[in-house]
N, C-alpha and C. Protein backbone atom coordinates (compact mmCIF):
# COMPACT_ATOMS: atom_id res chain seq x y z
N MET A 1 -15.10 -11.35 -23.63
CA MET A 1 -16.44 -10.53 -23.87
C MET A 1 -15.73 -9.10 -22.53
N ALA A 2 -16.09 -8.41 -22.77
CA ALA A 2 -16.07 -7.45 -21.35
C ALA A 2 -17.56 -6.83 -21.56
N LEU A 3 -16.95 -7.03 -19.69
CA LEU A 3 -19.10 -6.93 -18.87
C LEU A 3 -18.89 -5.66 -18.09
N ARG A 4 -19.72 -5.22 -19.13
CA ARG A 4 -20.42 -3.76 -17.78
C ARG A 4 -21.27 -3.76 -17.02
N LEU A 5 -21.59 -2.47 -16.92
CA LEU A 5 -21.63 -2.05 -14.72
C LEU A 5 -23.98 -2.87 -15.40
N THR A 6 -23.97 -2.50 -16.66
CA THR A 6 -25.36 -3.09 -16.23
C THR A 6 -25.25 -4.73 -15.98
N ASP A 7 -24.55 -5.53 -17.12
CA ASP A 7 -23.99 -6.96 -16.55
C ASP A 7 -23.78 -7.32 -15.23
N LEU A 8 -24.26 -6.64 -14.86
CA LEU A 8 -23.66 -6.59 -12.76
C LEU A 8 -25.05 -7.21 -12.19
N PRO A 9 -24.78 -8.36 -10.79
CA PRO A 9 -26.12 -8.11 -10.84
C PRO A 9 -26.15 -7.23 -9.60
N ALA A 10 -28.24 -7.58 -8.99
CA ALA A 10 -28.34 -5.67 -8.81
C ALA A 10 -27.31 -6.17 -6.96
N THR A 11 -27.65 -6.83 -6.51
CA THR A 11 -26.88 -6.63 -6.07
C THR A 11 -25.66 -5.90 -5.51
N ALA A 12 -24.78 -6.46 -6.67
CA ALA A 12 -23.41 -6.12 -6.94
C ALA A 12 -23.33 -4.78 -7.13
N LEU A 13 -23.48 -4.04 -7.71
CA LEU A 13 -24.71 -2.65 -7.99
C LEU A 13 -24.93 -1.76 -6.40
N ILE A 14 -25.54 -2.70 -5.75
CA ILE A 14 -25.65 -1.20 -4.21
C ILE A 14 -24.77 -1.04 -4.67
N ILE A 15 -23.69 -2.27 -3.56
CA ILE A 15 -22.99 -2.18 -2.66
C ILE A 15 -21.80 -1.37 -3.56
N ILE A 16 -21.35 -0.85 -4.94
CA ILE A 16 -20.43 0.11 -5.61
C ILE A 16 -21.37 0.91 -4.92
N GLY A 17 -22.52 0.83 -5.69
CA GLY A 17 -23.45 2.29 -5.44
C GLY A 17 -23.33 3.13 -4.18
N ILE A 18 -23.02 2.08 -3.02
CA ILE A 18 -23.18 2.42 -1.26
C ILE A 18 -20.98 2.51 -0.72
N VAL A 19 -20.76 2.23 -1.75
CA VAL A 19 -18.85 2.25 -0.87
C VAL A 19 -18.90 3.87 -2.25
N VAL A 20 -19.11 4.08 -2.99
CA VAL A 20 -18.78 5.19 -3.08
C VAL A 20 -19.97 6.56 -3.38
N LEU A 21 -20.64 6.01 -3.15
CA LEU A 21 -21.19 7.17 -1.93
C LEU A 21 -20.60 7.63 -0.11
N LEU A 22 -20.87 6.28 0.96
CA LEU A 22 -20.07 6.74 2.06
C LEU A 22 -18.29 7.37 1.37
N GLY A 23 -17.98 6.94 0.88
CA GLY A 23 -16.05 7.61 -0.53
C GLY A 23 -16.82 9.35 -0.72
N CYS A 24 -17.92 9.47 -1.33
CA CYS A 24 -18.01 10.71 -1.42
C CYS A 24 -18.85 11.24 0.39
N VAL A 25 -19.10 11.28 0.80
CA VAL A 25 -19.20 11.79 1.48
C VAL A 25 -18.43 12.14 2.72
N VAL A 26 -17.57 11.08 3.06
CA VAL A 26 -15.97 11.22 4.07
C VAL A 26 -14.90 11.97 3.14
N ALA A 27 -15.33 11.84 1.76
CA ALA A 27 -13.90 13.31 1.84
C ALA A 27 -15.07 15.00 1.78
N TYR A 28 -15.96 14.66 1.22
CA TYR A 28 -17.14 16.31 2.11
C TYR A 28 -15.94 16.35 2.60
N GLU A 29 -17.41 15.81 4.40
CA GLU A 29 -16.68 16.03 5.66
C GLU A 29 -14.98 16.62 5.61
N ASN A 30 -14.24 15.16 5.14
CA ASN A 30 -12.28 15.51 5.88
C ASN A 30 -12.56 17.72 5.35
N TRP A 31 -12.97 17.42 3.48
CA TRP A 31 -13.09 18.80 3.07
C TRP A 31 -13.72 20.10 4.21
N ARG A 32 -14.13 19.95 4.51
CA ARG A 32 -15.47 20.79 5.05
C ARG A 32 -15.05 20.66 6.36
N LEU A 33 -14.38 19.92 6.50
CA LEU A 33 -13.38 20.60 8.28
C LEU A 33 -12.31 21.23 8.13
N MET A 34 -11.12 20.73 7.33
CA MET A 34 -10.61 21.91 7.10
C MET A 34 -11.10 23.15 6.64
N ARG A 35 -11.95 23.13 5.84
CA ARG A 35 -12.23 24.44 5.27
C ARG A 35 -13.24 25.10 7.28
N LEU A 36 -13.58 24.72 7.91
CA LEU A 36 -13.81 25.65 8.81
C LEU A 36 -12.78 25.63 9.76
N ARG A 37 -11.77 24.89 10.24
CA ARG A 37 -10.26 25.27 10.78
C ARG A 37 -9.43 25.94 10.64
N GLN A 38 -9.37 26.46 8.74
CA GLN A 38 -9.05 27.24 8.44
C GLN A 38 -9.30 28.65 8.77
N ARG A 39 -10.68 28.88 8.59
CA ARG A 39 -11.68 29.89 8.44
C ARG A 39 -11.35 29.73 9.88
N SER A 40 -11.15 29.32 11.05
CA SER A 40 -10.71 29.78 12.58
C SER A 40 -10.77 30.21 12.95
N GLY A 41 -9.59 30.63 12.26
CA GLY A 41 -7.87 30.18 12.67
C GLY A 41 -7.25 30.23 13.52
N TYR A 42 -8.02 28.56 14.13
CA TYR A 42 -6.92 28.05 15.60
C TYR A 42 -6.31 27.45 14.27
N HIS A 43 -4.82 27.33 14.62
CA HIS A 43 -3.98 26.44 13.86
C HIS A 43 -3.01 25.59 15.09
N GLY A 44 -3.76 25.38 15.38
CA GLY A 44 -2.55 24.90 16.83
C GLY A 44 -1.95 24.84 17.72
N ALA A 45 -3.11 26.31 18.68
CA ALA A 45 -2.39 27.03 19.98
C ALA A 45 -2.78 25.57 21.06
N GLY A 46 -1.93 25.77 21.96
CA GLY A 46 -1.58 25.78 23.18
C GLY A 46 -0.75 24.34 22.71
N LEU A 47 -0.69 23.01 24.24
CA LEU A 47 0.96 22.63 24.54
C LEU A 47 -0.09 21.48 23.81
N GLY A 48 -1.31 20.75 23.56
CA GLY A 48 -1.97 19.45 22.94
C GLY A 48 -1.57 19.86 20.97
N ASP A 49 -1.88 20.86 21.08
CA ASP A 49 -1.95 20.98 19.88
C ASP A 49 -0.58 21.22 19.13
N ALA A 50 0.94 21.50 20.09
CA ALA A 50 1.95 21.35 19.38
C ALA A 50 2.81 20.70 18.01
N TYR A 51 2.00 20.12 18.29
CA TYR A 51 2.78 18.92 17.08
C TYR A 51 2.01 18.31 15.91
N PRO A 52 2.01 18.32 15.03
CA PRO A 52 1.18 17.85 14.35
C PRO A 52 0.61 16.16 14.12
N ARG A 53 -0.05 15.21 14.69
CA ARG A 53 -1.38 14.80 14.77
C ARG A 53 0.22 12.76 14.07
N TYR A 54 -0.49 14.04 12.66
CA TYR A 54 0.27 12.89 12.03
C TYR A 54 0.99 13.42 10.87
N ARG A 55 2.38 12.74 10.87
CA ARG A 55 2.95 13.74 9.67
C ARG A 55 2.64 13.71 8.24
N PRO A 56 2.96 14.70 7.58
CA PRO A 56 3.09 15.30 6.16
C PRO A 56 2.92 13.87 4.72
N TRP A 57 2.91 13.92 3.92
CA TRP A 57 3.98 12.95 3.06
C TRP A 57 4.96 13.49 3.17
N GLN A 58 4.97 14.87 2.95
CA GLN A 58 6.47 15.59 2.71
C GLN A 58 8.52 15.77 4.09
N GLU A 59 6.94 15.12 5.01
CA GLU A 59 8.15 14.93 5.95
C GLU A 59 8.06 12.81 6.20
N LEU A 60 7.79 12.01 5.66
CA LEU A 60 7.90 11.37 6.01
C LEU A 60 9.33 10.61 4.85
N SER A 61 9.32 10.00 5.50
CA SER A 61 10.82 9.13 5.14
C SER A 61 10.72 7.33 3.79
N PRO A 62 11.30 7.69 3.26
CA PRO A 62 10.78 6.94 1.66
C PRO A 62 10.43 4.74 2.36
N TRP A 63 10.47 4.36 4.08
CA TRP A 63 10.12 4.30 4.72
C TRP A 63 8.29 3.89 5.10
N MET A 64 9.13 4.63 5.97
CA MET A 64 7.54 5.26 6.48
C MET A 64 6.65 5.59 4.88
N ARG A 65 6.92 5.61 3.90
CA ARG A 65 5.71 6.22 2.69
C ARG A 65 5.46 5.54 2.18
N ALA A 66 6.33 4.34 2.19
CA ALA A 66 6.04 2.78 1.44
C ALA A 66 5.12 2.09 1.68
N LEU A 67 5.45 2.04 3.71
CA LEU A 67 4.82 1.63 4.17
C LEU A 67 3.22 1.28 4.30
N ARG A 68 3.37 2.51 3.99
CA ARG A 68 1.53 3.49 3.65
C ARG A 68 0.99 2.61 2.54
N VAL A 69 1.67 3.30 1.60
CA VAL A 69 1.14 2.82 0.16
C VAL A 69 0.84 1.46 0.61
N SER A 70 2.08 0.03 1.89
CA SER A 70 1.51 -0.81 1.14
C SER A 70 0.28 -1.80 1.95
N VAL A 71 -0.15 -0.52 3.13
CA VAL A 71 -1.21 -0.55 4.00
C VAL A 71 -2.40 -0.47 3.01
N PHE A 72 -2.17 0.88 2.50
CA PHE A 72 -3.57 0.59 1.41
C PHE A 72 -3.92 -0.26 0.06
N ILE A 73 -2.48 -0.01 -0.09
CA ILE A 73 -2.61 -1.32 -1.00
C ILE A 73 -3.33 -2.97 0.07
N CYS A 74 -2.67 -3.31 0.97
CA CYS A 74 -3.00 -4.73 0.86
C CYS A 74 -5.09 -4.33 1.18
N TRP A 75 -5.49 -3.45 2.19
CA TRP A 75 -6.73 -2.63 2.30
C TRP A 75 -6.92 -3.37 1.39
N ILE A 76 -7.14 -2.30 -0.50
CA ILE A 76 -8.21 -2.50 -1.38
C ILE A 76 -7.87 -3.92 -1.29
N VAL A 77 -6.22 -4.69 -1.01
CA VAL A 77 -6.93 -6.22 -2.17
C VAL A 77 -7.60 -6.87 -0.78
N THR A 78 -7.92 -6.77 0.54
CA THR A 78 -8.88 -6.76 1.11
C THR A 78 -10.37 -7.27 1.43
N ILE A 79 -10.53 -5.95 0.68
CA ILE A 79 -11.17 -5.46 1.43
C ILE A 79 -12.52 -6.09 -0.33
N GLY A 80 -11.40 -5.61 -1.67
CA GLY A 80 -11.66 -6.84 -2.17
C GLY A 80 -12.52 -8.04 -2.07
N SER A 81 -11.00 -9.35 -1.08
CA SER A 81 -11.58 -10.38 -1.86
C SER A 81 -12.72 -10.22 -0.56
N ILE A 82 -12.90 -9.53 -0.20
CA ILE A 82 -14.46 -9.61 1.74
C ILE A 82 -15.57 -9.77 0.65
N SER A 83 -15.61 -8.82 -0.58
CA SER A 83 -16.46 -8.70 -0.50
C SER A 83 -17.08 -9.53 -1.55
N THR A 84 -15.56 -9.92 -2.63
CA THR A 84 -16.40 -11.43 -3.36
C THR A 84 -16.38 -12.66 -3.04
N VAL A 85 -15.80 -12.52 -2.01
CA VAL A 85 -15.83 -13.92 -0.98
C VAL A 85 -18.08 -13.50 -0.20
N GLY A 86 -18.34 -12.89 0.17
CA GLY A 86 -18.84 -12.09 0.83
C GLY A 86 -20.30 -12.78 -0.49
N TYR A 87 -20.45 -12.45 -2.25
CA TYR A 87 -20.67 -11.84 -3.14
C TYR A 87 -21.30 -13.64 -3.06
N ILE A 88 -20.56 -14.10 -3.03
CA ILE A 88 -20.11 -15.56 -3.55
C ILE A 88 -20.76 -16.57 -2.84
N GLU A 89 -20.82 -16.53 -1.20
CA GLU A 89 -21.60 -16.76 -0.17
C GLU A 89 -22.53 -16.82 -0.39
N ALA A 90 -23.20 -15.33 -0.98
CA ALA A 90 -25.00 -15.26 -0.75
C ALA A 90 -25.19 -15.49 -1.77
N ALA A 91 -25.53 -15.89 -2.50
CA ALA A 91 -25.76 -16.78 -4.21
C ALA A 91 -25.83 -17.98 -3.57
N ALA A 92 -24.32 -18.08 -3.01
CA ALA A 92 -24.07 -20.10 -2.95
C ALA A 92 -26.03 -20.18 -1.39
N LEU A 93 -26.20 -19.68 -0.89
CA LEU A 93 -27.45 -19.44 -0.51
C LEU A 93 -29.22 -19.72 -1.16
N ARG A 94 -28.65 -19.19 -2.19
CA ARG A 94 -30.32 -19.39 -3.53
C ARG A 94 -29.37 -20.72 -4.36
N GLN A 95 -28.93 -21.44 -3.90
CA GLN A 95 -28.07 -22.05 -4.75
C GLN A 95 -28.76 -23.69 -3.49
N PRO A 96 -28.87 -25.05 -5.35
CA PRO A 96 -28.94 -26.10 -4.34
C PRO A 96 -27.88 -26.78 -3.48
N LYS A 97 -28.30 -27.74 -2.89
CA LYS A 97 -27.94 -28.39 -1.73
C LYS A 97 -27.72 -30.23 -2.65
N ILE A 98 -28.11 -30.63 -3.42
CA ILE A 98 -27.13 -32.13 -3.82
C ILE A 98 -27.47 -31.81 -4.72
N ALA A 99 -26.07 -32.07 -5.64
CA ALA A 99 -25.72 -32.09 -6.62
C ALA A 99 -25.34 -32.11 -7.99
N ASP A 100 -25.99 -31.76 -8.70
CA ASP A 100 -26.22 -31.53 -10.14
C ASP A 100 -24.60 -31.27 -11.41
N ALA A 101 -25.50 -31.94 -13.00
CA ALA A 101 -23.83 -31.86 -13.59
C ALA A 101 -23.47 -29.45 -13.39
N GLU A 102 -24.16 -28.59 -12.96
CA GLU A 102 -23.22 -27.95 -13.09
C GLU A 102 -23.26 -27.04 -11.88
N PHE A 103 -23.95 -27.87 -10.32
CA PHE A 103 -23.34 -27.58 -9.47
C PHE A 103 -22.82 -28.59 -8.61
N VAL A 104 -21.16 -28.41 -8.53
CA VAL A 104 -20.76 -29.84 -7.53
C VAL A 104 -19.67 -30.31 -6.80
N TYR A 105 -19.17 -29.08 -6.03
CA TYR A 105 -18.39 -28.22 -5.82
C TYR A 105 -19.15 -27.92 -3.94
N PRO A 106 -19.10 -28.78 -3.28
CA PRO A 106 -20.10 -28.87 -1.50
C PRO A 106 -18.81 -27.40 -0.79
N HIS A 107 -19.23 -26.52 -0.01
CA HIS A 107 -18.69 -26.09 0.28
C HIS A 107 -19.32 -25.52 1.64
N ASN A 108 -19.37 -24.74 3.00
CA ASN A 108 -19.58 -24.87 3.77
C ASN A 108 -20.10 -23.72 3.66
N VAL A 109 -21.57 -22.80 4.00
CA VAL A 109 -21.84 -21.78 4.08
C VAL A 109 -23.17 -20.69 4.97
N LYS A 110 -22.78 -20.60 5.91
CA LYS A 110 -23.91 -20.61 7.16
C LYS A 110 -24.36 -21.43 8.06
N GLY A 111 -23.34 -22.63 7.92
CA GLY A 111 -23.40 -23.59 9.21
C GLY A 111 -24.16 -24.82 7.76
N VAL A 112 -24.30 -24.71 6.96
CA VAL A 112 -25.15 -25.11 5.70
C VAL A 112 -24.42 -25.59 3.83
N VAL A 113 -24.18 -26.60 3.51
CA VAL A 113 -23.30 -26.90 2.48
C VAL A 113 -24.29 -27.13 2.10
N ARG A 114 -23.48 -26.34 0.88
CA ARG A 114 -23.74 -25.04 -0.63
C ARG A 114 -23.48 -26.37 -1.89
N LEU A 115 -23.34 -25.84 -2.67
CA LEU A 115 -22.79 -25.60 -3.76
C LEU A 115 -22.29 -25.21 -4.46
N PHE A 116 -21.24 -24.95 -4.97
CA PHE A 116 -21.14 -23.96 -5.77
C PHE A 116 -20.78 -24.77 -7.84
N THR A 117 -20.09 -24.16 -8.48
CA THR A 117 -20.27 -23.60 -9.99
C THR A 117 -18.74 -24.15 -9.75
N ASP A 118 -18.80 -24.74 -11.50
CA ASP A 118 -16.76 -24.51 -11.58
C ASP A 118 -16.31 -22.89 -11.64
N GLN A 119 -17.40 -21.15 -12.11
CA GLN A 119 -16.37 -20.33 -12.13
C GLN A 119 -16.09 -20.02 -10.78
N GLN A 120 -17.60 -19.98 -9.19
CA GLN A 120 -17.36 -20.01 -8.56
C GLN A 120 -15.98 -20.67 -7.81
N GLU A 121 -16.26 -22.36 -8.07
CA GLU A 121 -15.34 -22.36 -7.01
C GLU A 121 -13.81 -21.93 -6.82
N GLY A 122 -13.47 -21.32 -8.96
CA GLY A 122 -12.57 -21.41 -9.38
C GLY A 122 -11.56 -18.91 -8.32
N ILE A 123 -13.08 -18.88 -8.64
CA ILE A 123 -12.72 -17.24 -7.66
C ILE A 123 -12.19 -17.68 -6.32
N TYR A 124 -13.55 -18.10 -5.75
CA TYR A 124 -13.61 -18.86 -4.90
C TYR A 124 -12.36 -19.09 -4.00
N ALA A 125 -11.76 -20.37 -4.56
CA ALA A 125 -9.93 -20.83 -4.37
C ALA A 125 -9.26 -19.05 -3.87
N ILE A 126 -9.50 -18.47 -5.15
CA ILE A 126 -8.15 -17.46 -5.13
C ILE A 126 -8.62 -16.78 -4.73
N ALA A 127 -9.91 -16.10 -4.32
CA ALA A 127 -10.76 -14.51 -3.60
C ALA A 127 -10.37 -15.43 -2.02
N LYS A 128 -10.61 -16.98 -1.07
CA LYS A 128 -10.86 -17.32 0.38
C LYS A 128 -9.64 -16.91 0.38
N PRO A 129 -8.45 -17.12 0.08
CA PRO A 129 -7.21 -16.76 1.18
C PRO A 129 -6.43 -15.48 0.72
N LEU A 130 -6.63 -15.05 -0.05
CA LEU A 130 -5.96 -13.80 -0.31
C LEU A 130 -6.74 -12.81 0.43
N MET A 131 -8.15 -12.81 1.27
CA MET A 131 -9.31 -12.18 2.29
C MET A 131 -8.64 -12.76 3.78
N ILE A 132 -7.55 -13.77 4.12
CA ILE A 132 -7.19 -14.36 5.10
C ILE A 132 -5.81 -13.72 5.14
N GLY A 133 -5.65 -14.28 3.57
CA GLY A 133 -3.47 -13.42 3.85
C GLY A 133 -3.31 -11.90 3.97
N PHE A 134 -4.39 -11.39 3.41
CA PHE A 134 -3.98 -9.97 3.47
C PHE A 134 -3.88 -8.40 4.15
N GLY A 135 -5.30 -9.85 4.89
CA GLY A 135 -6.08 -8.70 5.92
C GLY A 135 -5.05 -9.09 7.03
N ALA A 136 -5.28 -10.33 7.80
CA ALA A 136 -3.49 -10.71 8.41
C ALA A 136 -2.33 -9.58 8.09
N ILE A 137 -1.54 -9.71 6.84
CA ILE A 137 -1.08 -7.94 6.82
C ILE A 137 -0.90 -7.38 6.61
N THR A 138 -2.08 -6.06 6.27
CA THR A 138 -2.65 -5.09 6.76
C THR A 138 -2.84 -4.76 8.21
N LEU A 139 -2.91 -5.99 8.74
CA LEU A 139 -3.52 -5.74 10.20
C LEU A 139 -2.42 -5.69 10.69
N ALA A 140 -1.16 -6.73 10.71
CA ALA A 140 0.32 -6.58 10.69
C ALA A 140 1.07 -5.11 11.12
N LEU A 141 0.79 -4.36 9.54
CA LEU A 141 2.00 -3.25 8.91
C LEU A 141 0.78 -2.06 9.89
N ILE A 142 -0.05 -1.86 9.64
CA ILE A 142 -1.19 -1.18 10.34
C ILE A 142 -0.50 -0.91 12.08
N VAL A 143 -0.42 -1.60 12.61
CA VAL A 143 -0.03 -1.82 13.86
C VAL A 143 2.14 -1.66 13.87
N VAL A 144 2.14 -2.23 13.29
CA VAL A 144 3.60 -1.24 12.58
C VAL A 144 3.99 -0.56 12.57
N GLY A 145 3.38 0.76 11.74
CA GLY A 145 2.82 1.72 11.39
C GLY A 145 2.60 2.92 12.58
N ARG A 146 0.82 1.87 13.15
CA ARG A 146 0.91 3.27 14.23
C ARG A 146 1.55 2.86 15.53
N ARG A 147 2.86 2.10 14.87
CA ARG A 147 3.72 2.64 16.61
C ARG A 147 5.48 2.95 16.69
N VAL A 148 5.21 3.54 15.33
CA VAL A 148 6.56 4.09 14.75
C VAL A 148 5.81 5.15 14.79
N GLU A 149 4.45 5.69 13.82
CA GLU A 149 4.15 7.22 14.19
C GLU A 149 3.95 6.95 16.54
N GLU A 150 3.60 6.26 17.03
CA GLU A 150 3.32 7.13 18.15
C GLU A 150 4.76 7.51 19.05
N ASP A 151 5.89 7.00 18.02
CA ASP A 151 7.71 6.97 18.62
C ASP A 151 7.45 8.48 17.99
N TRP A 152 7.61 8.89 17.17
CA TRP A 152 7.35 9.76 16.16
C TRP A 152 6.53 10.61 16.75
N ARG A 153 4.91 10.94 17.86
CA ARG A 153 4.26 11.57 18.45
C ARG A 153 5.44 11.77 20.14
N GLU A 154 5.45 10.93 20.16
CA GLU A 154 6.66 11.15 21.61
C GLU A 154 7.50 11.59 21.58
N ARG A 155 8.53 11.71 20.66
CA ARG A 155 9.70 12.41 20.59
C ARG A 155 9.14 13.88 20.25
N LYS A 156 7.89 14.50 19.05
CA LYS A 156 8.11 16.32 18.62
C LYS A 156 7.40 15.82 20.14
N LEU A 157 6.43 15.42 20.88
CA LEU A 157 6.21 16.46 22.41
C LEU A 157 7.12 16.31 23.05
N GLN A 158 7.91 15.30 23.70
CA GLN A 158 8.88 16.14 24.40
C GLN A 158 10.22 16.68 23.71
N GLU A 159 10.61 16.99 22.43
CA GLU A 159 10.60 18.15 21.96
C GLU A 159 10.58 19.33 22.00
N ALA A 160 8.67 19.36 22.12
CA ALA A 160 8.27 20.83 22.60
C ALA A 160 8.36 21.22 24.06
N LEU A 161 8.85 20.03 24.78
CA LEU A 161 8.58 20.67 26.00
C LEU A 161 9.92 21.18 27.39
N ASP A 162 10.80 19.56 26.65
CA ASP A 162 12.49 20.86 25.68
C ASP A 162 12.13 21.96 25.64
N ARG A 163 11.55 22.32 24.92
CA ARG A 163 11.74 24.00 23.95
C ARG A 163 10.85 25.21 25.28
N LEU A 164 10.36 24.34 25.44
CA LEU A 164 9.10 25.37 26.21
C LEU A 164 10.73 25.82 27.91
N SER A 165 10.94 24.56 28.49
CA SER A 165 11.08 24.21 29.80
C SER A 165 12.70 25.17 29.48
N THR A 166 13.51 25.61 28.04
CA THR A 166 15.05 26.43 27.75
C THR A 166 14.10 27.43 28.60
N GLU A 167 13.50 27.88 27.20
CA GLU A 167 12.27 29.00 27.21
C GLU A 167 12.13 29.62 28.60
N VAL A 168 12.00 29.82 29.47
CA VAL A 168 11.34 29.55 30.92
C VAL A 168 12.44 30.62 31.96
């Protein structure tokens, strides 16, 4: 059975629409700022911008490329899991508090015990640990990546200062 976009509930369609719209806005703003910077002729004059803030992809070592790709993948899994858990918990708020034939799995949702269906329980049992696990992994990878980039920026700044001091 294929799932079509029209089969999704209205809430899921609204969330998907908002995410796509925000992604388009971010992409447009990045493109616009790059164009403004190119047109202005400002390309990093001065000591503060003597080195780029982030290394271009071509200059990254294979380990840093793997780290960035891993962060991206973990972030996608985390966001997908958060969305899934949130959707199931939001749907559970409209479900009964007393068990019947369809709703048999109790969960504490927003401080109230609500019951999940078999399908919701199966998805929730996978999405909740993924959300927590990949969230922690994403955070750890981001911390490591930021530290490596900070060390690189400090080294580049020191090289720029050394160049200036030897030229004078």
